[in-house]
Protein backbone atom coordinates (compact mmCIF):
# COMPACT_ATOMS: atom_id res chain seq x y z
CA MET A 1 52.44 -173.80 21.14
CA PRO A 2 51.07 -177.50 19.76
CA SER A 3 51.51 -180.55 22.29
CA VAL A 4 53.03 -182.13 19.43
CA GLU A 5 56.55 -181.66 17.63
CA VAL A 6 57.81 -183.79 15.02
CA LEU A 7 61.67 -184.07 15.05
CA VAL A 8 63.18 -185.11 11.34
CA PRO A 9 66.70 -185.93 11.06
CA THR A 10 67.94 -185.86 7.50
CA CYS A 11 71.03 -186.79 5.21
CA ASP A 12 71.80 -186.53 1.72
CA ARG A 13 67.61 -187.22 0.98
CA PRO A 14 66.15 -184.20 -0.94
CA VAL A 15 63.63 -186.36 -2.91
CA GLU A 16 62.56 -188.21 0.32
CA LEU A 17 62.70 -185.03 2.41
CA ALA A 18 60.21 -183.30 0.26
CA THR A 19 58.09 -186.56 -0.02
CA THR A 20 58.08 -186.75 3.97
CA LEU A 21 57.21 -182.71 4.34
CA ALA A 22 54.40 -183.05 1.55
CA GLY A 23 52.90 -185.93 4.09
CA LEU A 24 52.79 -183.74 6.85
CA ALA A 25 51.75 -180.72 4.97
CA ALA A 26 48.76 -182.91 4.61
CA GLN A 27 48.08 -183.18 8.37
CA ASP A 28 45.27 -181.73 9.77
CA HIS A 29 46.94 -182.06 13.52
CA PRO A 30 48.66 -179.08 15.13
CA PHE A 31 52.22 -179.69 15.43
CA ASP A 32 55.56 -177.63 15.59
CA LEU A 33 58.21 -179.25 13.20
CA VAL A 34 62.22 -179.31 13.62
CA VAL A 35 64.47 -180.70 10.80
CA PHE A 36 67.86 -181.43 11.22
CA ASP A 37 70.44 -182.12 8.34
CA GLN A 38 73.63 -183.61 7.73
CA SER A 39 74.33 -183.88 4.12
CA THR A 40 77.48 -184.09 2.66
CA GLY A 41 76.39 -181.45 0.03
CA PRO A 42 73.40 -179.11 0.01
CA ALA A 43 71.01 -179.11 2.79
CA SER A 44 67.89 -181.83 1.82
CA TYR A 45 65.59 -179.14 2.70
CA ASP A 46 67.44 -176.80 0.46
CA THR A 47 65.38 -177.82 -2.96
CA ALA A 48 62.59 -176.03 -4.36
CA PRO A 49 59.98 -179.13 -3.70
CA ALA A 50 61.25 -178.78 0.08
CA ARG A 51 60.94 -175.09 0.24
CA ALA A 52 57.40 -174.89 -1.09
CA MET A 53 56.33 -177.72 1.51
CA ILE A 54 57.87 -175.68 4.34
CA ARG A 55 55.70 -172.64 2.91
CA VAL A 56 52.75 -174.87 2.74
CA LEU A 57 53.05 -175.61 6.36
CA GLU A 58 53.90 -172.33 7.65
CA LEU A 59 50.93 -171.02 6.10
CA ALA A 60 48.82 -173.86 7.54
CA GLY A 61 50.24 -172.35 10.96
CA HIS A 62 53.00 -174.88 11.82
CA ARG A 63 56.50 -173.45 13.18
CA VAL A 64 58.82 -175.16 10.95
CA ARG A 65 62.75 -175.13 12.06
CA THR A 66 65.64 -176.33 9.64
CA GLY A 67 69.32 -176.25 10.54
CA ARG A 68 72.57 -178.36 9.97
CA HIS A 69 73.87 -180.25 12.64
CA LEU A 70 77.42 -181.35 11.95
CA PRO A 71 79.92 -182.96 12.26
CA ARG A 72 78.03 -186.15 12.07
CA ARG A 73 78.73 -188.34 14.96
CA GLY A 74 76.15 -190.99 14.68
CA VAL A 75 72.76 -191.58 13.95
CA ALA A 76 72.42 -192.01 17.86
CA GLU A 77 73.71 -188.28 18.38
CA HIS A 78 71.39 -186.80 15.76
CA ARG A 79 68.23 -188.02 17.36
CA ALA A 80 69.87 -186.65 20.81
CA ALA A 81 70.23 -183.82 19.11
CA LEU A 82 66.51 -182.95 17.68
CA ALA A 83 65.07 -184.17 21.39
CA GLY A 84 67.09 -181.99 23.25
CA ARG A 85 65.64 -178.91 20.97
CA SER A 86 62.15 -180.07 21.79
CA THR A 87 60.01 -178.70 24.72
CA ALA A 88 56.69 -180.15 23.57
CA ARG A 89 54.77 -182.55 25.80
CA TYR A 90 55.16 -185.40 22.58
CA VAL A 91 57.88 -185.63 20.25
CA LEU A 92 57.07 -187.47 16.92
CA PHE A 93 60.47 -189.20 15.36
CA LEU A 94 59.89 -189.22 11.68
CA ASP A 95 62.41 -190.66 9.24
CA ASP A 96 63.17 -188.69 5.94
CA ASP A 97 61.85 -191.37 3.93
CA VAL A 98 58.40 -191.73 5.17
CA TRP A 99 55.41 -190.10 3.64
CA LEU A 100 52.30 -189.90 6.11
CA ALA A 101 48.68 -190.69 5.18
CA PRO A 102 46.68 -187.68 6.43
CA GLY A 103 44.97 -188.30 10.16
CA THR A 104 48.13 -190.05 11.00
CA VAL A 105 49.09 -187.58 13.16
CA ALA A 106 46.16 -186.91 14.62
CA ARG A 107 45.67 -191.25 15.41
CA LEU A 108 48.90 -190.96 17.45
CA HIS A 109 48.35 -188.34 19.19
CA GLU A 110 44.85 -189.51 20.17
CA ALA A 111 46.13 -192.78 21.00
CA ILE A 112 48.97 -191.79 23.31
CA VAL A 113 46.41 -189.42 24.91
CA GLU A 114 43.91 -192.06 25.46
CA LEU A 115 46.29 -195.23 26.28
CA GLY A 116 48.58 -193.02 28.63
CA CYS A 117 51.52 -194.68 27.69
CA GLY A 118 55.07 -193.94 26.96
CA LEU A 119 55.33 -194.43 23.17
CA VAL A 120 52.80 -195.08 20.29
CA GLY A 121 54.44 -195.74 17.01
CA ALA A 122 52.67 -196.19 13.66
CA ALA A 123 54.61 -199.21 11.76
CA LEU A 124 56.23 -198.39 8.03
CA GLU A 125 54.51 -200.36 5.33
CA GLY A 126 56.28 -201.45 2.18
CA LEU A 127 53.71 -201.34 -0.58
CA SER A 128 56.03 -202.82 -2.99
CA TYR A 129 55.07 -206.24 -0.63
CA VAL A 130 51.01 -206.01 -0.94
CA ALA A 131 50.71 -209.18 -2.85
CA ASP A 132 53.36 -210.82 -0.15
CA GLU A 133 51.30 -212.18 2.53
CA ARG A 134 53.31 -213.50 5.46
CA PRO A 135 51.13 -215.43 7.92
CA ALA A 136 53.72 -216.82 10.06
CA GLU A 137 55.31 -213.17 10.73
CA GLN A 138 51.85 -211.98 11.47
CA ALA A 139 51.17 -214.87 14.54
CA ALA A 140 52.99 -212.81 17.21
CA PHE A 141 49.83 -210.23 16.63
CA GLU A 142 48.36 -209.24 20.23
CA ARG A 143 45.85 -206.24 20.92
CA TRP A 144 46.48 -204.80 24.51
CA ASP A 145 43.13 -204.69 26.18
CA GLY A 146 43.26 -201.65 28.04
CA PRO A 147 46.02 -199.28 28.65
CA PRO A 148 49.62 -200.96 27.80
CA GLN A 149 51.39 -202.43 30.58
CA PRO A 150 55.22 -201.60 31.12
CA GLU A 151 57.38 -204.78 29.50
CA ASP A 152 60.84 -205.97 29.81
CA LEU A 153 61.61 -207.14 26.67
CA ARG A 154 64.62 -209.49 25.61
CA PRO A 155 65.99 -211.47 22.82
CA ASP A 156 65.18 -214.74 22.25
CA THR A 157 61.60 -214.70 24.00
CA PRO A 158 58.27 -214.72 22.24
CA GLU A 159 57.66 -211.06 22.69
CA TRP A 160 61.00 -210.52 21.17
CA GLU A 161 59.68 -211.70 17.89
CA ARG A 162 57.05 -209.20 17.58
CA TRP A 163 59.66 -207.13 15.34
CA ARG A 164 58.32 -209.36 12.36
CA LEU A 165 55.09 -207.59 12.70
CA HIS A 166 56.63 -204.76 10.87
CA ASN A 167 58.26 -206.56 7.83
CA ALA A 168 57.44 -206.25 3.93
CA ALA A 169 53.82 -204.76 4.22
CA ASN A 170 52.73 -206.88 7.21
CA PRO A 171 50.96 -203.55 8.79
CA VAL A 172 48.79 -203.43 5.66
CA HIS A 173 47.57 -207.18 6.11
CA LEU A 174 46.91 -206.63 10.17
CA ALA A 175 45.18 -203.71 9.59
CA ARG A 176 43.06 -205.63 6.85
CA ARG A 177 42.40 -208.57 9.34
CA HIS A 178 42.21 -206.65 12.64
CA VAL A 179 40.43 -203.07 12.45
CA ARG A 180 36.82 -203.17 12.15
CA PRO A 181 35.05 -200.36 10.14
CA ASP A 182 34.02 -198.80 13.66
CA ASP A 183 37.29 -198.66 14.92
CA ARG A 184 39.11 -195.56 15.17
CA TRP A 185 42.50 -197.37 15.92
CA VAL A 186 43.58 -200.66 17.41
CA ALA A 187 46.82 -200.68 20.00
CA TYR A 188 48.68 -203.93 19.73
CA LYS A 189 51.87 -205.22 21.91
CA ILE A 190 55.20 -204.34 19.77
CA ALA A 191 58.90 -204.63 20.40
CA TRP A 192 59.78 -201.58 18.85
CA VAL A 193 58.84 -199.42 15.89
CA ALA A 194 61.12 -197.72 13.28
CA GLY A 195 60.41 -194.83 11.36
CA CYS A 196 57.42 -193.14 13.13
CA THR A 197 57.36 -193.06 16.77
CA LEU A 198 55.31 -190.62 19.01
CA TYR A 199 57.13 -190.43 22.47
CA ASP A 200 56.08 -188.75 25.81
CA ARG A 201 58.77 -186.46 26.14
CA ALA A 202 58.86 -186.99 29.61
CA ALA A 203 58.53 -190.68 29.36
CA LEU A 204 61.82 -190.13 26.81
CA GLU A 205 64.09 -188.51 28.75
CA ALA A 206 63.10 -190.32 32.19
CA VAL A 207 64.86 -193.27 30.35
CA GLY A 208 67.97 -191.20 29.16
CA GLY A 209 66.48 -190.60 25.72
CA PHE A 210 69.23 -190.99 23.01
CA ASP A 211 72.23 -190.07 25.78
CA PHE A 212 73.63 -192.95 24.83
CA TRP A 213 75.57 -191.97 22.10
CA SER A 214 78.57 -191.39 23.83
CA GLU A 215 79.01 -194.84 24.73
CA VAL A 216 78.72 -196.75 20.98
CA PRO A 217 80.55 -196.29 17.90
CA GLU A 218 79.47 -193.55 15.28
CA THR A 219 78.91 -196.09 13.08
CA VAL A 220 75.96 -197.77 15.01
CA VAL A 221 72.34 -198.55 14.25
CA GLY A 222 69.52 -199.89 16.16
CA GLU A 223 69.36 -196.85 18.43
CA ASP A 224 66.09 -196.27 18.50
CA VAL A 225 65.17 -200.32 19.76
CA VAL A 226 67.31 -199.38 22.64
CA ALA A 227 65.39 -195.93 23.38
CA GLN A 228 62.14 -197.52 22.66
CA GLN A 229 62.91 -200.70 24.74
CA ARG A 230 64.06 -198.57 27.63
CA VAL A 231 60.40 -196.25 27.63
CA LEU A 232 58.60 -199.83 26.75
CA ALA A 233 60.18 -201.16 30.23
CA GLU A 234 59.35 -198.29 32.31
CA TYR A 235 56.34 -196.79 30.90
CA GLY A 236 54.51 -199.28 28.35
CA GLY A 237 54.02 -198.33 24.44
CA ALA A 238 52.15 -199.62 21.76
CA GLY A 239 51.55 -200.11 17.70
CA ILE A 240 48.67 -198.93 16.35
CA LEU A 241 46.73 -199.88 13.10
CA PRO A 242 45.64 -198.69 10.89
CA SER A 243 49.64 -197.26 10.63
CA GLY A 244 49.63 -194.75 7.79
CA ALA A 245 53.01 -194.85 7.41
CA VAL A 246 54.52 -195.71 4.00
CA HIS A 247 57.99 -196.38 3.49
CA LEU A 248 59.37 -194.94 0.25
CA GLU A 249 61.69 -197.74 0.09
CA SER A 250 65.08 -195.94 -0.79
CA VAL A 251 68.55 -197.21 -0.75
CA THR A 252 69.46 -196.54 2.81
CA THR A 253 71.79 -193.97 3.79
CA ILE A 254 73.56 -196.12 6.21
CA PRO A 255 74.68 -199.32 4.52
CA ASP A 256 76.83 -200.70 7.30
CA ARG A 257 74.02 -202.10 9.63
CA SER A 258 76.39 -204.62 11.13
CA VAL A 259 76.83 -203.03 14.49
CA THR A 260 73.40 -202.10 16.44
CA ALA A 261 73.18 -200.16 19.73
CA ASP A 262 70.93 -202.86 21.00
CA GLY A 263 73.75 -205.52 20.93
CA LEU A 264 76.36 -203.59 22.44
CA LEU A 265 74.59 -201.90 25.61
CA PRO A 266 74.18 -204.22 28.34
CA PRO A 267 70.50 -204.17 29.48
CA ARG A 268 69.03 -201.94 31.73
CA ARG A 269 66.89 -203.04 34.94
CA PRO A 270 63.49 -201.25 34.87
CA ARG A 271 63.12 -198.69 37.92
CA GLY A 272 59.19 -199.68 38.27
CA THR A 273 58.47 -195.82 38.06
CA GLY A 274 55.02 -196.43 36.14
CA ARG A 275 53.25 -194.72 34.40
CA LEU A 276 52.82 -190.93 33.22
CA GLY A 277 49.40 -189.51 34.06
CA THR A 278 45.54 -190.70 33.55
CA PRO A 279 44.97 -191.88 30.52
CA GLY A 280 42.09 -190.08 28.21
CA ALA A 281 43.26 -186.96 29.64
CA GLU A 282 45.87 -184.41 28.14
CA PRO A 283 48.61 -183.70 30.34
CA ALA A 284 48.58 -179.64 31.17
CA GLY A 285 51.75 -177.46 30.64
CA SER A 286 55.45 -178.61 29.65
CA ALA A 287 57.06 -182.03 30.73
CA PRO A 288 59.71 -181.88 33.08
CA PRO A 289 63.17 -182.47 32.51
CA THR A 290 64.81 -196.91 14.16
CA SER A 291 64.18 -202.03 10.75
CA THR A 292 62.99 -201.31 7.68
CA PRO A 293 59.70 -203.09 6.32
CA ALA A 294 61.72 -204.13 3.31
CA ARG A 295 62.79 -207.90 3.88
């Protein structure tokens, strides 16, 4: 069984999902795929283009599972349900409006294994903003020298301002500035990474994953911020450049973004459980028991 499983929650996005599947079909790294749909009408994967890409994936040896996940109980519950179906060592949560450049999954997997941390993310690139250079927003960039260390992040701190690194086309400009020709990838410090994040499943489960969904309203957003910052506090994490994750810049399917999970849930103090294994070595066996760029 591949050590990576890609988990895609989708809702009312047939065109975008087909594009997302096309990006996955171009990857050269082994993975399984699970797509859970909450569309009001036909499932987003039940179109000719999506079915064609699923066939391409299957012919390449990827196991693909699709299914409806209803009734809707919010985006956090949707992610919790997907995570609960996976038994892979690593789970890549990929939004249904993201196209991955070839090699992105392999680069994420290599980074998380080598760094030995709880998560590694590829920030979404809003390519319509390539001409919009934002040096002030990029000022918080800082490489990780060595394996990422646990960080307990809080609002109103300089570290929290790292979220601005992922606005618009900042990931493109950062890669141009910081990735040298001989770099396979560059790991840097983050506040969180929306849209494309690879977790060590043991780390995600150890901090409760997305099981907090029952503690927040169904309309809540920012569920990925909560889960990621809990992982960062215990096991550390990083973003990597180049990203390779292109945001399709479609209109959001959740227009009311006024209630955020990180604003409702009290901070959890890290327990100091430490690292998850040896950097540079793939753990053996199975593990024990999402902001947009367009601003």
